Amino acid sequence: MSNKKFNMKVKNKREIDFNKIEKILIRSTNWIGDVVLTLPAIASIRKNFPQSYIAILCKSWVAPLLDCNTTNINEVILYDQEGIHSGIKGRLRLAGDLRRKEFDLAILLQNAFDAALITFLAGIPLRAGYNTDARGFLLTNKVILDRSSLKKHQVFYYLDLLKALGMDVIQANPNVEISKEAANGAVEILDSFNIEDGELLIGINPGAYFGSAKRWLPERYAQLSDMICEGFDARVLLFGSEGDKDSLNIIFQNDESKIINLIGKTSLLEAMTLIKKCSLFITNDSGLMHLAASMSIPLIAIFGSTDPAATSPLGNTSVILRKKVDCSPCLKKVCPTDHRCMKLIDVDEVYQHVRRILKKGVLYHAE
């Protein structure tokens, strides 16, 4: 293990002896897109500790992503912060459960104080992570955040942490695997909508968790859906969370024989398996965008308030649409002005990209 050419500072109270680490706890990030972008880091941890038992602590809504990663993860532990692990008593209960598992090392990919506190209370002797959220005193191996890491793609934020701890890293694109059992579940859902094997399926994700500033106009997605159905005799699958349901269902009142509204109706695992069946995925900057990219699904990603330099989908299967306006990226939840970054992207422009991708069968680089 070596990081001679790496300049990020680490304040170690204890050195990590890579040959003596038998059990590792990883604290996962909390959101779908972030978890996808940690997958190369998780694979890197496995590379550095090939014989170790690796468990990951995560929230229930991202667990399906990690359950699939049997190559790198031995156990997924759920953190039920709103239920049995709520409050001080709940955290003490979780810490006690972790203590009994006798982990040697905790690696905190999540930045919160809470992550460091729980591993401290669990008595894990080595606790490593960034010195964010005033938690440095709880860590035995504190990595001083180098602001240059924030200027890179987010995937390197996690890899840089591991490099600072002396690990060799795998600089590969995230890759999500889906089991055969899960794939069979997707077939059952498609059968329920009378979708036959071999039909052209286009996925559209008109929502985005962070806020409306990240969303291309929903009525334009609706118009685009109609154009795709008519132009390609395709079936459109609409994806989105329960939180998107009320605002988007009103707009997508289309012919359900062609446009299948799944907004708020699928679990994460079901969404993953259905996206895998799509020939093209059209989306805002979102967790599902990163999921589609991690499964090598061709996609069109529409960016407005966020910065593709930091959060673009990785791999060579993506076309990114973005208008260069003075106020973008603003990283705001709600646009304080006229949402020009999104309004300047018209339906026909997106549709022309759809046509080129579907007719060529391969992706090209958008200008």
Protein backbone atom coordinates (compact mmCIF):
# COMPACT_ATOMS: atom_id res chain seq x y z
CA MET A 1 0.00 0.00 0.00
CA SER A 2 1.40 3.39 -0.92
CA ASN A 3 0.34 6.98 -1.35
CA LYS A 4 3.74 8.63 -1.80
CA LYS A 5 2.46 10.94 -4.53
CA PHE A 6 -0.72 11.84 -2.67
CA ASN A 7 -0.73 15.05 -0.66
CA MET A 8 -3.90 14.90 1.42
CA LYS A 9 -3.03 15.11 5.12
CA VAL A 10 -3.95 12.43 7.64
CA LYS A 11 -3.75 12.80 11.38
CA ASN A 12 -3.34 9.28 12.74
CA LYS A 13 -3.66 8.34 16.36
CA ARG A 14 -3.16 4.71 15.32
CA GLU A 15 -1.67 3.20 12.19
CA ILE A 16 -3.74 0.76 10.16
CA ASP A 17 -1.98 -2.59 9.87
CA PHE A 18 -3.54 -3.98 6.70
CA ASN A 19 -2.49 -7.54 7.57
CA LYS A 20 -4.30 -7.59 10.90
CA ILE A 21 -7.71 -6.23 9.93
CA GLU A 22 -10.24 -9.07 10.08
CA LYS A 23 -13.57 -7.23 10.24
CA ILE A 24 -14.45 -3.90 8.62
CA LEU A 25 -17.56 -1.75 8.95
CA ILE A 26 -18.26 0.75 6.15
CA ARG A 27 -20.75 3.55 6.87
CA SER A 28 -22.59 4.04 3.61
CA THR A 29 -23.83 7.31 2.17
CA ASN A 30 -27.58 7.85 2.37
CA TRP A 31 -28.85 8.58 -1.15
CA ILE A 32 -29.10 6.42 -4.24
CA GLY A 33 -26.81 8.44 -6.48
CA ASP A 34 -24.21 8.88 -3.76
CA VAL A 35 -24.21 5.14 -3.04
CA VAL A 36 -23.65 4.37 -6.73
CA LEU A 37 -20.68 6.74 -6.74
CA THR A 38 -19.17 4.99 -3.70
CA LEU A 39 -19.12 1.59 -5.45
CA PRO A 40 -15.53 2.02 -6.77
CA ALA A 41 -14.47 2.92 -3.22
CA ILE A 42 -16.18 -0.16 -1.80
CA ALA A 43 -14.48 -2.31 -4.45
CA SER A 44 -11.18 -0.67 -3.51
CA ILE A 45 -11.66 -1.55 0.15
CA ARG A 46 -12.21 -5.17 -0.86
CA LYS A 47 -9.06 -5.05 -3.01
CA ASN A 48 -7.00 -3.89 -0.04
CA PHE A 49 -8.60 -6.35 2.37
CA PRO A 50 -9.33 -9.43 0.24
CA GLN A 51 -9.74 -11.81 3.18
CA SER A 52 -11.56 -9.48 5.57
CA TYR A 53 -15.22 -9.67 6.55
CA ILE A 54 -16.82 -6.46 5.27
CA ALA A 55 -20.17 -5.19 6.52
CA ILE A 56 -21.88 -1.97 5.51
CA LEU A 57 -24.22 0.15 7.61
CA CYS A 58 -26.89 1.89 5.55
CA LYS A 59 -30.42 3.25 5.44
CA SER A 60 -33.11 0.85 4.27
CA TRP A 61 -33.93 2.69 1.04
CA VAL A 62 -30.44 2.12 -0.42
CA ALA A 63 -30.01 -1.41 0.91
CA PRO A 64 -31.09 -3.14 -2.36
CA LEU A 65 -28.13 -1.52 -4.13
CA LEU A 66 -25.73 -2.92 -1.56
CA ASP A 67 -27.41 -6.30 -1.18
CA CYS A 68 -26.55 -6.91 -4.84
CA ASN A 69 -22.85 -6.27 -4.21
CA THR A 70 -22.00 -9.72 -2.89
CA THR A 71 -18.49 -9.61 -4.38
CA ASN A 72 -17.39 -6.85 -2.04
CA ILE A 73 -19.85 -6.93 0.86
CA ASN A 74 -20.47 -9.81 3.28
CA GLU A 75 -23.25 -8.21 5.32
CA VAL A 76 -25.68 -5.31 5.03
CA ILE A 77 -26.75 -3.80 8.37
CA LEU A 78 -29.79 -1.53 8.38
CA TYR A 79 -29.72 1.77 10.27
CA ASP A 80 -33.36 2.46 11.18
CA GLN A 81 -32.91 6.04 12.35
CA GLU A 82 -36.65 6.76 12.36
CA GLY A 83 -37.51 3.50 14.15
CA ILE A 84 -35.60 1.30 16.57
CA HIS A 85 -32.43 3.38 16.23
CA SER A 86 -34.02 6.79 16.83
CA GLY A 87 -32.85 9.08 19.59
CA ILE A 88 -30.06 8.47 22.07
CA LYS A 89 -31.42 5.10 23.20
CA GLY A 90 -31.70 3.90 19.61
CA ARG A 91 -28.15 4.90 18.78
CA LEU A 92 -26.89 3.19 21.93
CA ARG A 93 -28.81 0.06 20.88
CA LEU A 94 -27.20 0.16 17.42
CA ALA A 95 -23.76 0.81 18.92
CA GLY A 96 -24.22 -2.15 21.21
CA ASP A 97 -25.15 -4.41 18.32
CA LEU A 98 -22.08 -3.26 16.41
CA ARG A 99 -19.84 -3.70 19.45
CA ARG A 100 -20.85 -7.37 19.68
CA LYS A 101 -19.73 -7.87 16.07
CA GLU A 102 -16.18 -6.87 17.07
CA PHE A 103 -15.14 -4.80 14.07
CA ASP A 104 -11.47 -3.84 13.82
CA LEU A 105 -11.88 -0.87 11.47
CA ALA A 106 -14.67 1.53 10.53
CA ILE A 107 -14.43 3.50 7.28
CA LEU A 108 -16.89 6.37 7.13
CA LEU A 109 -17.90 7.24 3.59
CA GLN A 110 -20.73 9.29 5.02
CA ASN A 111 -19.70 12.70 6.33
CA ALA A 112 -21.98 13.23 9.33
CA PHE A 113 -21.05 13.56 13.00
CA ASP A 114 -23.57 10.80 13.71
CA ALA A 115 -21.54 8.27 11.72
CA ALA A 116 -18.43 8.90 13.80
CA LEU A 117 -20.37 8.94 17.08
CA ILE A 118 -21.96 5.54 16.52
CA THR A 119 -18.66 3.85 15.64
CA PHE A 120 -17.02 5.53 18.65
CA LEU A 121 -19.80 4.27 20.95
CA ALA A 122 -19.43 0.83 19.35
CA GLY A 123 -15.81 0.76 20.51
CA ILE A 124 -14.39 0.10 17.07
CA PRO A 125 -10.65 0.66 17.66
CA LEU A 126 -9.85 2.20 14.25
CA ARG A 127 -12.25 4.84 12.91
CA ALA A 128 -11.32 6.57 9.66
CA GLY A 129 -13.01 9.33 7.69
CA TYR A 130 -12.93 12.96 6.64
CA ASN A 131 -12.77 15.56 9.42
CA THR A 132 -16.17 16.97 8.44
CA ASP A 133 -19.07 18.05 10.66
CA ALA A 134 -16.80 18.75 13.67
CA ARG A 135 -16.28 15.02 14.24
CA GLY A 136 -12.49 14.83 13.99
CA PHE A 137 -11.99 14.19 17.72
CA LEU A 138 -14.02 10.95 17.38
CA LEU A 139 -11.77 9.56 14.64
CA THR A 140 -8.50 7.71 15.14
CA ASN A 141 -7.51 8.32 11.51
CA LYS A 142 -8.69 11.76 10.53
CA VAL A 143 -8.31 12.81 6.89
CA ILE A 144 -8.06 16.58 6.46
CA LEU A 145 -10.28 17.43 3.53
CA ASP A 146 -8.36 18.91 0.63
CA ARG A 147 -10.62 21.38 -1.19
CA SER A 148 -9.16 20.21 -4.49
CA SER A 149 -11.14 16.99 -4.04
CA LEU A 150 -14.35 19.00 -4.21
CA LYS A 151 -13.42 20.22 -7.69
CA LYS A 152 -13.23 16.68 -9.08
CA HIS A 153 -16.01 14.30 -9.96
CA GLN A 154 -17.72 13.12 -6.78
CA VAL A 155 -16.51 9.53 -7.24
CA PHE A 156 -12.97 10.75 -6.49
CA TYR A 157 -14.09 12.30 -3.21
CA TYR A 158 -14.43 8.78 -1.82
CA LEU A 159 -11.39 7.36 -3.58
CA ASP A 160 -9.23 10.22 -2.30
CA LEU A 161 -10.23 9.34 1.26
CA LEU A 162 -8.97 5.79 0.77
CA LYS A 163 -5.76 6.93 -0.91
CA ALA A 164 -5.07 9.21 2.05
CA LEU A 165 -5.43 6.18 4.32
CA GLY A 166 -2.75 4.40 2.30
CA MET A 167 -4.92 2.19 0.10
CA ASP A 168 -4.59 1.33 -3.54
CA VAL A 169 -7.76 2.31 -5.36
CA ILE A 170 -9.69 0.95 -8.30
CA GLN A 171 -10.47 3.80 -10.68
CA ALA A 172 -13.29 2.06 -12.53
CA ASN A 173 -16.82 3.15 -13.32
CA PRO A 174 -19.54 2.08 -10.89
CA ASN A 175 -21.12 -1.23 -11.79
CA VAL A 176 -24.44 -2.47 -10.38
CA GLU A 177 -25.28 -6.13 -10.69
CA ILE A 178 -28.82 -7.52 -10.60
CA SER A 179 -29.65 -11.07 -9.61
CA LYS A 180 -31.63 -13.41 -11.85
CA GLU A 181 -34.40 -13.51 -9.23
CA ALA A 182 -34.75 -9.73 -9.32
CA ALA A 183 -34.73 -9.74 -13.13
CA ASN A 184 -37.61 -12.22 -13.08
CA GLY A 185 -39.55 -9.72 -10.97
CA ALA A 186 -39.19 -7.14 -13.73
CA VAL A 187 -40.64 -9.60 -16.25
CA GLU A 188 -43.68 -10.08 -14.02
CA ILE A 189 -44.26 -6.32 -13.79
CA LEU A 190 -43.97 -5.92 -17.56
CA ASP A 191 -46.35 -8.83 -18.08
CA SER A 192 -48.91 -7.09 -15.88
CA PHE A 193 -48.93 -4.21 -18.39
CA ASN A 194 -49.13 -6.58 -21.37
CA ILE A 195 -45.63 -5.62 -22.47
CA GLU A 196 -44.20 -8.39 -24.59
CA ASP A 197 -40.59 -9.47 -24.74
CA GLY A 198 -38.74 -7.56 -27.44
CA GLU A 199 -40.85 -4.39 -27.33
CA LEU A 200 -38.87 -1.16 -27.39
CA LEU A 201 -38.86 0.31 -23.87
CA ILE A 202 -37.79 3.87 -23.10
CA GLY A 203 -37.40 4.96 -19.49
CA ILE A 204 -38.15 8.54 -18.46
CA ASN A 205 -37.42 9.99 -15.03
CA PRO A 206 -39.03 13.47 -14.80
CA GLY A 207 -38.40 13.96 -11.09
CA ALA A 208 -35.36 14.77 -8.95
CA TYR A 209 -35.18 14.52 -5.19
CA PHE A 210 -33.15 17.62 -4.38
CA GLY A 211 -35.62 20.18 -5.74
CA SER A 212 -37.43 21.68 -8.71
CA ALA A 213 -34.31 23.53 -9.97
CA LYS A 214 -32.90 20.15 -11.11
CA ARG A 215 -36.02 19.26 -13.09
CA TRP A 216 -36.58 19.83 -16.76
CA LEU A 217 -40.16 21.02 -17.21
CA PRO A 218 -42.53 18.07 -16.57
CA GLU A 219 -44.91 19.13 -19.35
CA ARG A 220 -42.00 18.88 -21.78
CA TYR A 221 -41.28 15.37 -20.58
CA ALA A 222 -44.94 14.58 -21.22
CA GLN A 223 -44.74 15.97 -24.75
CA LEU A 224 -41.50 14.09 -25.37
CA SER A 225 -43.12 10.86 -24.19
CA ASP A 226 -45.92 11.26 -26.74
CA MET A 227 -43.43 11.96 -29.52
CA ILE A 228 -41.36 8.88 -28.67
CA CYS A 229 -44.42 6.62 -28.61
CA GLU A 230 -45.60 7.91 -31.98
CA GLY A 231 -42.19 8.07 -33.66
CA PHE A 232 -40.83 4.70 -32.58
CA ASP A 233 -43.84 2.58 -31.62
CA ALA A 234 -42.21 2.39 -28.19
CA ARG A 235 -43.57 1.90 -24.70
CA VAL A 236 -42.48 4.58 -22.22
CA LEU A 237 -41.91 3.68 -18.58
CA LEU A 238 -42.21 6.67 -16.23
CA PHE A 239 -40.07 6.43 -13.09
CA GLY A 240 -40.13 8.52 -9.94
CA SER A 241 -40.47 8.45 -6.18
CA GLU A 242 -43.54 8.75 -4.01
CA GLY A 243 -42.62 12.40 -3.50
CA ASP A 244 -42.94 13.05 -7.24
CA LYS A 245 -46.37 11.43 -7.46
CA ASP A 246 -48.73 14.33 -6.78
CA SER A 247 -46.91 16.89 -8.93
CA LEU A 248 -46.26 14.63 -11.92
CA ASN A 249 -49.30 12.37 -12.17
CA ILE A 250 -51.47 15.35 -13.16
CA ILE A 251 -49.25 16.06 -16.16
CA PHE A 252 -48.82 12.50 -17.39
CA GLN A 253 -52.45 11.70 -18.14
CA ASN A 254 -51.60 9.96 -21.37
CA ASP A 255 -52.75 6.80 -23.08
CA GLU A 256 -51.62 4.13 -20.61
CA SER A 257 -51.43 1.54 -23.37
CA LYS A 258 -48.21 3.26 -24.46
CA ILE A 259 -47.08 5.28 -21.44
CA ILE A 260 -46.81 3.27 -18.23
CA ASN A 261 -46.87 5.51 -15.17
CA LEU A 262 -44.77 3.85 -12.47
CA ILE A 263 -44.17 7.05 -10.47
CA GLY A 264 -44.33 6.14 -6.79
CA LYS A 265 -45.31 2.56 -7.61
CA THR A 266 -42.02 0.65 -7.56
CA SER A 267 -39.44 -0.27 -4.98
CA LEU A 268 -35.81 0.60 -5.65
CA LEU A 269 -35.06 -2.99 -6.63
CA GLU A 270 -38.01 -3.05 -9.04
CA ALA A 271 -36.91 0.26 -10.55
CA MET A 272 -33.40 -1.12 -11.02
CA THR A 273 -34.64 -4.21 -12.82
CA LEU A 274 -37.01 -2.24 -15.04
CA ILE A 275 -34.35 0.32 -16.00
CA LYS A 276 -32.16 -2.60 -17.01
CA LYS A 277 -34.84 -3.55 -19.56
CA CYS A 278 -34.81 -0.11 -21.23
CA SER A 279 -33.04 0.67 -24.48
CA LEU A 280 -32.71 4.33 -23.47
CA PHE A 281 -33.17 6.29 -20.24
CA ILE A 282 -33.96 10.03 -20.22
CA THR A 283 -33.51 11.75 -16.90
CA ASN A 284 -32.64 14.76 -14.80
CA ASP A 285 -29.51 14.72 -12.62
CA SER A 286 -30.70 12.15 -10.08
CA GLY A 287 -30.00 8.89 -8.34
CA LEU A 288 -31.75 6.92 -11.08
CA MET A 289 -29.46 8.63 -13.62
CA HIS A 290 -26.43 7.17 -11.85
CA LEU A 291 -28.16 3.80 -11.58
CA ALA A 292 -28.82 3.66 -15.32
CA ALA A 293 -25.23 4.63 -16.09
CA SER A 294 -23.90 1.98 -13.69
CA MET A 295 -25.84 -0.65 -15.66
CA SER A 296 -24.51 0.71 -18.99
CA ILE A 297 -27.96 1.79 -20.17
CA PRO A 298 -27.74 4.48 -22.89
CA LEU A 299 -29.07 7.68 -21.39
CA ILE A 300 -29.77 11.33 -22.01
CA ALA A 301 -29.06 13.35 -18.87
CA ILE A 302 -30.53 16.85 -18.61
CA PHE A 303 -28.59 19.23 -16.36
CA GLY A 304 -29.62 22.66 -15.11
CA SER A 305 -28.73 23.85 -11.62
CA THR A 306 -26.06 21.23 -10.97
CA ASP A 307 -22.55 20.76 -12.32
CA PRO A 308 -21.89 17.79 -14.63
CA ALA A 309 -18.17 18.12 -13.84
CA ALA A 310 -18.99 16.88 -10.35
CA THR A 311 -22.04 14.65 -10.78
CA SER A 312 -22.23 13.57 -14.42
CA PRO A 313 -23.07 9.91 -15.12
CA LEU A 314 -19.89 7.90 -15.53
CA GLY A 315 -19.11 5.63 -18.45
CA ASN A 316 -19.43 6.09 -22.19
CA THR A 317 -23.17 5.54 -22.54
CA SER A 318 -24.37 9.07 -21.80
CA VAL A 319 -25.31 12.24 -23.64
CA ILE A 320 -25.41 15.30 -21.39
CA LEU A 321 -27.67 18.20 -22.33
CA ARG A 322 -26.95 21.52 -20.66
CA LYS A 323 -27.24 25.18 -21.56
CA LYS A 324 -24.39 27.44 -20.52
CA VAL A 325 -26.05 30.33 -18.74
CA ASP A 326 -24.40 32.77 -16.36
CA CYS A 327 -26.19 31.53 -13.24
CA SER A 328 -25.57 27.80 -13.74
CA PRO A 329 -24.51 25.81 -11.85
CA CYS A 330 -26.19 27.53 -8.91
CA LEU A 331 -26.76 24.34 -6.87
CA LYS A 332 -30.02 25.77 -5.53
CA LYS A 333 -33.12 23.70 -4.75
CA VAL A 334 -35.50 26.20 -6.30
CA CYS A 335 -34.63 28.59 -9.10
CA PRO A 336 -34.78 32.18 -7.75
CA THR A 337 -35.22 33.67 -11.26
CA ASP A 338 -36.63 32.30 -14.50
CA HIS A 339 -35.26 28.72 -14.65
CA ARG A 340 -33.61 29.60 -17.95
CA CYS A 341 -31.08 26.75 -17.72
CA MET A 342 -33.95 24.32 -18.21
CA LYS A 343 -36.34 26.39 -20.31
CA LEU A 344 -33.68 26.83 -23.00
CA ILE A 345 -33.72 23.06 -23.60
CA ASP A 346 -36.69 22.48 -25.87
CA VAL A 347 -38.54 19.26 -26.59
CA ASP A 348 -37.43 18.95 -30.20
CA GLU A 349 -33.77 19.22 -29.22
CA VAL A 350 -34.10 16.30 -26.83
CA TYR A 351 -36.15 14.32 -29.34
CA GLN A 352 -33.46 14.73 -32.00
CA HIS A 353 -30.95 13.15 -29.63
CA VAL A 354 -33.42 10.33 -29.01
CA ARG A 355 -33.76 9.77 -32.76
CA ARG A 356 -30.01 9.66 -33.33
CA ILE A 357 -29.41 7.24 -30.47
CA LEU A 358 -32.22 4.84 -31.35
CA LYS A 359 -31.61 4.88 -35.09
CA LYS A 360 -27.86 4.39 -34.80
CA GLY A 361 -28.12 1.91 -31.99
CA VAL A 362 -25.01 3.49 -30.48
CA LEU A 363 -24.25 6.65 -28.60
CA TYR A 364 -22.50 9.67 -30.01
CA HIS A 365 -21.08 12.81 -28.43
CA ALA A 366 -23.51 15.71 -28.25
CA GLU A 367 -22.08 19.15 -28.93
